[in-house]
Amino acid sequence: MERAPSEKKCRGEVIRSRAPGYFSGMGTLKDFPHAILFDRDGTLVEDVPYNGDPQLVRPLPGAVRVVRRLRAAGIRCGIVSNQSGIARGLLTHAQVDAVNRRVDELFGPFEVWKLCPHGPADGCSCRKPAPGMVLDACRELGVAVEDTAVIGDIGADMEAARAAGTRAVMVPTPVTRAAEIEAAPLVAGRLCEAIDLLGRLPGPPSPAAAPDREAVLGGRP
């Protein structure tokens, strides 16, 4: 059972940190990114394949708290998400928009949403692992790519970040391929550790108040 925010600590395993460029000098953590771009499914919410039903949106454990912690520190937050179900005829734009509104309801509104509706064979510049959505999100936020990080659960997220020139951390799930984990620049066991790997958040951590919606409902809307 998840404890109240005032008691909960991030104690999961950091699987690997093998990118020394993410750290500088005598163990001092590098300046934290000004913006974080999250993958949606499998990173912030449970991965329900081709989900068009807002009622099936379930935040992953600790995800709401992580996003709130970032916002309290002044970090810009956005989402970059492949949604090929539209191209495959399994989803409509309206269904995807409804799911995204539900995500905003549960997490609070994200400053930028970038979605790719294309399929793998369409040859677009936006579908991850291409960098189009990441670059567009950085431009919309007014944040340089080198001051941005991408957090996701599969190799396409890491490749899009690399191609765009941002930093990146993988938080694998049971379906993440071993080769993708091995190739990732930074790998964390949980979302809160991914944040810690990126550096020291500016300012003091936000104080814990009443249990948030995620804690009360166990991640359920």
Protein backbone atom coordinates (compact mmCIF):
# COMPACT_ATOMS: atom_id res chain seq x y z
CA MET A 1 0.00 0.00 0.00
CA GLU A 2 1.31 3.44 -0.83
CA ARG A 3 2.08 5.68 2.10
CA ALA A 4 1.02 9.31 2.47
CA PRO A 5 3.26 11.83 0.67
CA SER A 6 4.82 13.01 3.94
CA GLU A 7 6.13 9.49 4.58
CA LYS A 8 6.85 8.20 1.08
CA LYS A 9 10.49 8.06 -0.01
CA CYS A 10 12.07 7.11 -3.30
CA ARG A 11 13.93 3.88 -2.50
CA GLY A 12 13.88 1.89 -5.71
CA GLU A 13 17.00 0.78 -7.52
CA VAL A 14 18.88 2.97 -9.95
CA ILE A 15 19.66 0.34 -12.56
CA ARG A 16 22.53 2.11 -14.27
CA SER A 17 24.11 5.52 -14.63
CA ARG A 18 26.80 5.14 -17.24
CA ALA A 19 26.85 8.62 -18.79
CA PRO A 20 29.55 10.61 -16.95
CA GLY A 21 28.75 13.71 -18.99
CA TYR A 22 25.54 14.04 -17.00
CA PHE A 23 27.60 14.86 -13.92
CA SER A 24 30.34 17.40 -13.39
CA GLY A 25 33.26 17.74 -11.01
CA MET A 26 33.84 16.00 -7.66
CA GLY A 27 30.39 14.43 -7.54
CA THR A 28 28.49 17.71 -7.93
CA LEU A 29 25.24 17.14 -9.77
CA LYS A 30 24.84 18.94 -13.06
CA ASP A 31 22.32 21.78 -13.25
CA PHE A 32 18.82 20.42 -13.55
CA PRO A 33 17.07 20.68 -16.95
CA HIS A 34 14.70 23.61 -17.41
CA ALA A 35 12.10 21.34 -19.03
CA ILE A 36 11.14 17.68 -18.89
CA LEU A 37 9.31 16.00 -21.76
CA PHE A 38 7.61 12.76 -20.73
CA ASP A 39 6.43 9.89 -22.83
CA ARG A 40 2.80 9.25 -21.88
CA ASP A 41 1.94 5.54 -21.95
CA GLY A 42 4.13 3.35 -19.77
CA THR A 43 5.91 6.37 -18.28
CA LEU A 44 3.22 8.52 -16.65
CA VAL A 45 0.15 6.31 -17.03
CA GLU A 46 -0.48 2.61 -17.44
CA ASP A 47 0.06 1.46 -21.01
CA VAL A 48 -3.35 0.44 -22.35
CA PRO A 49 -2.77 -0.33 -26.04
CA TYR A 50 -4.60 2.11 -28.32
CA ASN A 51 -6.62 3.49 -25.45
CA GLY A 52 -9.50 5.77 -26.42
CA ASP A 53 -11.36 5.59 -23.10
CA PRO A 54 -10.56 8.29 -20.51
CA GLN A 55 -11.87 6.05 -17.74
CA LEU A 56 -9.00 3.61 -18.36
CA VAL A 57 -6.34 6.24 -17.60
CA ARG A 58 -4.41 5.18 -14.49
CA PRO A 59 -1.37 7.14 -13.27
CA LEU A 60 1.62 4.96 -12.52
CA PRO A 61 2.62 4.87 -8.84
CA GLY A 62 4.37 8.07 -7.79
CA ALA A 63 3.96 9.77 -11.20
CA VAL A 64 1.59 12.52 -10.06
CA ARG A 65 3.88 13.32 -7.15
CA VAL A 66 6.93 13.54 -9.41
CA VAL A 67 5.23 15.98 -11.79
CA ARG A 68 4.04 18.12 -8.89
CA ARG A 69 7.55 18.14 -7.45
CA LEU A 70 8.94 19.37 -10.76
CA ARG A 71 6.34 22.09 -11.14
CA ALA A 72 6.93 23.28 -7.58
CA ALA A 73 10.58 23.76 -8.52
CA GLY A 74 9.69 25.76 -11.63
CA ILE A 75 10.48 23.01 -14.15
CA ARG A 76 8.43 23.09 -17.35
CA CYS A 77 6.63 19.83 -18.12
CA GLY A 78 5.31 18.46 -21.40
CA ILE A 79 4.36 15.23 -23.12
CA VAL A 80 5.55 13.75 -26.43
CA SER A 81 3.58 10.69 -27.47
CA ASN A 82 3.28 8.40 -30.49
CA GLN A 83 -0.38 7.64 -31.20
CA SER A 84 -0.30 5.40 -34.26
CA GLY A 85 -3.74 4.06 -33.38
CA ILE A 86 -5.08 7.02 -35.35
CA ALA A 87 -3.25 5.98 -38.51
CA ARG A 88 -4.26 2.36 -37.95
CA GLY A 89 -7.96 3.31 -37.73
CA LEU A 90 -8.17 2.11 -34.12
CA LEU A 91 -8.57 5.57 -32.59
CA THR A 92 -9.99 8.93 -33.57
CA HIS A 93 -8.40 12.28 -32.84
CA ALA A 94 -11.36 13.01 -30.57
CA GLN A 95 -10.73 9.87 -28.52
CA VAL A 96 -7.04 10.69 -28.10
CA ASP A 97 -7.93 14.25 -27.08
CA ALA A 98 -10.37 12.91 -24.48
CA VAL A 99 -7.71 10.65 -22.99
CA ASN A 100 -5.25 13.54 -22.89
CA ARG A 101 -7.77 15.75 -21.12
CA ARG A 102 -8.11 13.03 -18.50
CA VAL A 103 -4.33 12.97 -18.06
CA ASP A 104 -4.41 16.74 -17.53
CA GLU A 105 -7.19 16.34 -14.98
CA LEU A 106 -5.18 13.82 -12.97
CA PHE A 107 -1.76 15.48 -13.22
CA GLY A 108 -2.69 19.10 -13.75
CA PRO A 109 -2.37 20.68 -17.21
CA PHE A 110 0.88 20.03 -19.06
CA GLU A 111 2.37 23.09 -20.73
CA VAL A 112 2.85 21.40 -24.05
CA TRP A 113 1.43 18.29 -25.73
CA LYS A 114 2.98 16.90 -28.89
CA LEU A 115 1.35 13.87 -30.50
CA CYS A 116 2.23 11.93 -33.64
CA PRO A 117 -0.83 10.36 -35.32
CA HIS A 118 1.22 8.58 -38.00
CA GLY A 119 2.13 4.93 -38.42
CA PRO A 120 5.63 3.42 -38.59
CA ALA A 121 5.59 3.30 -42.40
CA ASP A 122 4.44 6.88 -42.94
CA GLY A 123 7.94 8.35 -42.94
CA CYS A 124 7.03 11.41 -40.87
CA SER A 125 9.52 13.53 -38.93
CA CYS A 126 7.47 13.55 -35.73
CA ARG A 127 7.09 9.90 -34.79
CA LYS A 128 9.68 8.84 -32.23
CA PRO A 129 12.51 7.86 -32.72
CA ALA A 130 12.53 10.90 -35.01
CA PRO A 131 13.17 14.14 -33.08
CA GLY A 132 10.32 16.24 -34.50
CA MET A 133 8.02 16.28 -31.48
CA VAL A 134 10.87 16.91 -29.06
CA LEU A 135 12.17 19.82 -31.13
CA ASP A 136 8.68 21.29 -31.55
CA ALA A 137 8.02 21.03 -27.81
CA CYS A 138 11.30 22.80 -27.00
CA ARG A 139 10.47 25.60 -29.43
CA GLU A 140 6.97 26.01 -27.99
CA LEU A 141 8.31 26.14 -24.44
CA GLY A 142 11.13 28.47 -25.42
CA VAL A 143 13.69 26.14 -23.83
CA ALA A 144 16.95 25.13 -25.50
CA VAL A 145 17.36 21.45 -26.32
CA GLU A 146 20.46 21.25 -24.14
CA ASP A 147 18.35 22.45 -21.19
CA THR A 148 15.71 19.78 -21.78
CA ALA A 149 15.42 16.10 -20.86
CA VAL A 150 13.21 13.31 -22.16
CA ILE A 151 11.98 10.53 -19.88
CA GLY A 152 10.48 7.42 -21.43
CA ASP A 153 10.26 3.66 -21.24
CA ILE A 154 11.50 2.43 -24.63
CA GLY A 155 14.37 2.90 -27.03
CA ALA A 156 12.39 5.18 -29.37
CA ASP A 157 12.16 7.75 -26.57
CA MET A 158 15.91 7.64 -26.02
CA GLU A 159 16.67 7.82 -29.74
CA ALA A 160 14.36 10.83 -30.21
CA ALA A 161 16.12 12.61 -27.35
CA ARG A 162 19.55 11.78 -28.76
CA ALA A 163 18.58 12.99 -32.24
CA ALA A 164 17.17 16.23 -30.83
CA GLY A 165 20.17 16.87 -28.59
CA THR A 166 18.42 16.62 -25.22
CA ARG A 167 19.35 14.57 -22.19
CA ALA A 168 17.41 11.36 -21.55
CA VAL A 169 16.57 8.81 -18.89
CA MET A 170 14.86 5.49 -19.42
CA VAL A 171 12.49 4.02 -16.85
CA PRO A 172 11.95 0.51 -18.25
CA THR A 173 8.82 -1.57 -17.92
CA PRO A 174 8.56 -5.37 -18.20
CA VAL A 175 8.03 -5.03 -21.95
CA THR A 176 11.12 -2.88 -22.57
CA ARG A 177 13.65 -4.82 -24.63
CA ALA A 178 16.96 -5.69 -23.01
CA ALA A 179 18.90 -4.18 -25.92
CA GLU A 180 17.04 -0.88 -25.47
CA ILE A 181 17.91 -0.80 -21.78
CA GLU A 182 21.55 -1.50 -22.54
CA ALA A 183 21.70 1.29 -25.11
CA ALA A 184 20.04 3.94 -22.93
CA PRO A 185 22.35 6.66 -21.56
CA LEU A 186 20.75 6.60 -18.09
CA VAL A 187 18.40 4.01 -16.64
CA ALA A 188 16.36 4.27 -13.45
CA GLY A 189 14.12 1.78 -11.72
CA ARG A 190 11.41 4.31 -10.91
CA LEU A 191 10.32 7.73 -12.13
CA CYS A 192 11.50 9.50 -8.98
CA GLU A 193 15.00 8.11 -9.48
CA ALA A 194 14.98 9.33 -13.08
CA ILE A 195 14.48 12.84 -11.72
CA ASP A 196 17.32 12.38 -9.23
CA LEU A 197 19.65 11.19 -12.00
CA LEU A 198 19.11 14.44 -13.92
CA GLY A 199 20.53 16.62 -11.17
CA ARG A 200 19.55 18.67 -8.15
CA LEU A 201 16.19 20.40 -8.38
CA PRO A 202 16.42 24.17 -7.82
CA GLY A 203 15.07 25.47 -4.54
CA PRO A 204 13.81 23.49 -1.55
CA PRO A 205 11.46 20.57 -2.13
CA SER A 206 7.81 21.47 -1.93
CA PRO A 207 6.28 20.71 1.49
CA ALA A 208 4.01 17.71 1.79
CA ALA A 209 0.42 18.69 2.39
CA ALA A 210 -2.74 16.63 2.35
CA PRO A 211 -2.51 13.32 0.46
CA ASP A 212 -2.83 13.97 -3.26
CA ARG A 213 -5.47 12.38 -5.45
CA GLU A 214 -3.08 9.64 -6.53
CA ALA A 215 -2.32 8.63 -2.94
CA VAL A 216 -5.95 8.64 -1.89
CA LEU A 217 -7.22 6.71 -4.88
CA GLY A 218 -4.20 4.50 -5.44
CA GLY A 219 -3.65 5.94 -8.90
CA ARG A 220 -7.27 5.49 -9.95
CA PRO A 221 -9.53 8.29 -11.20
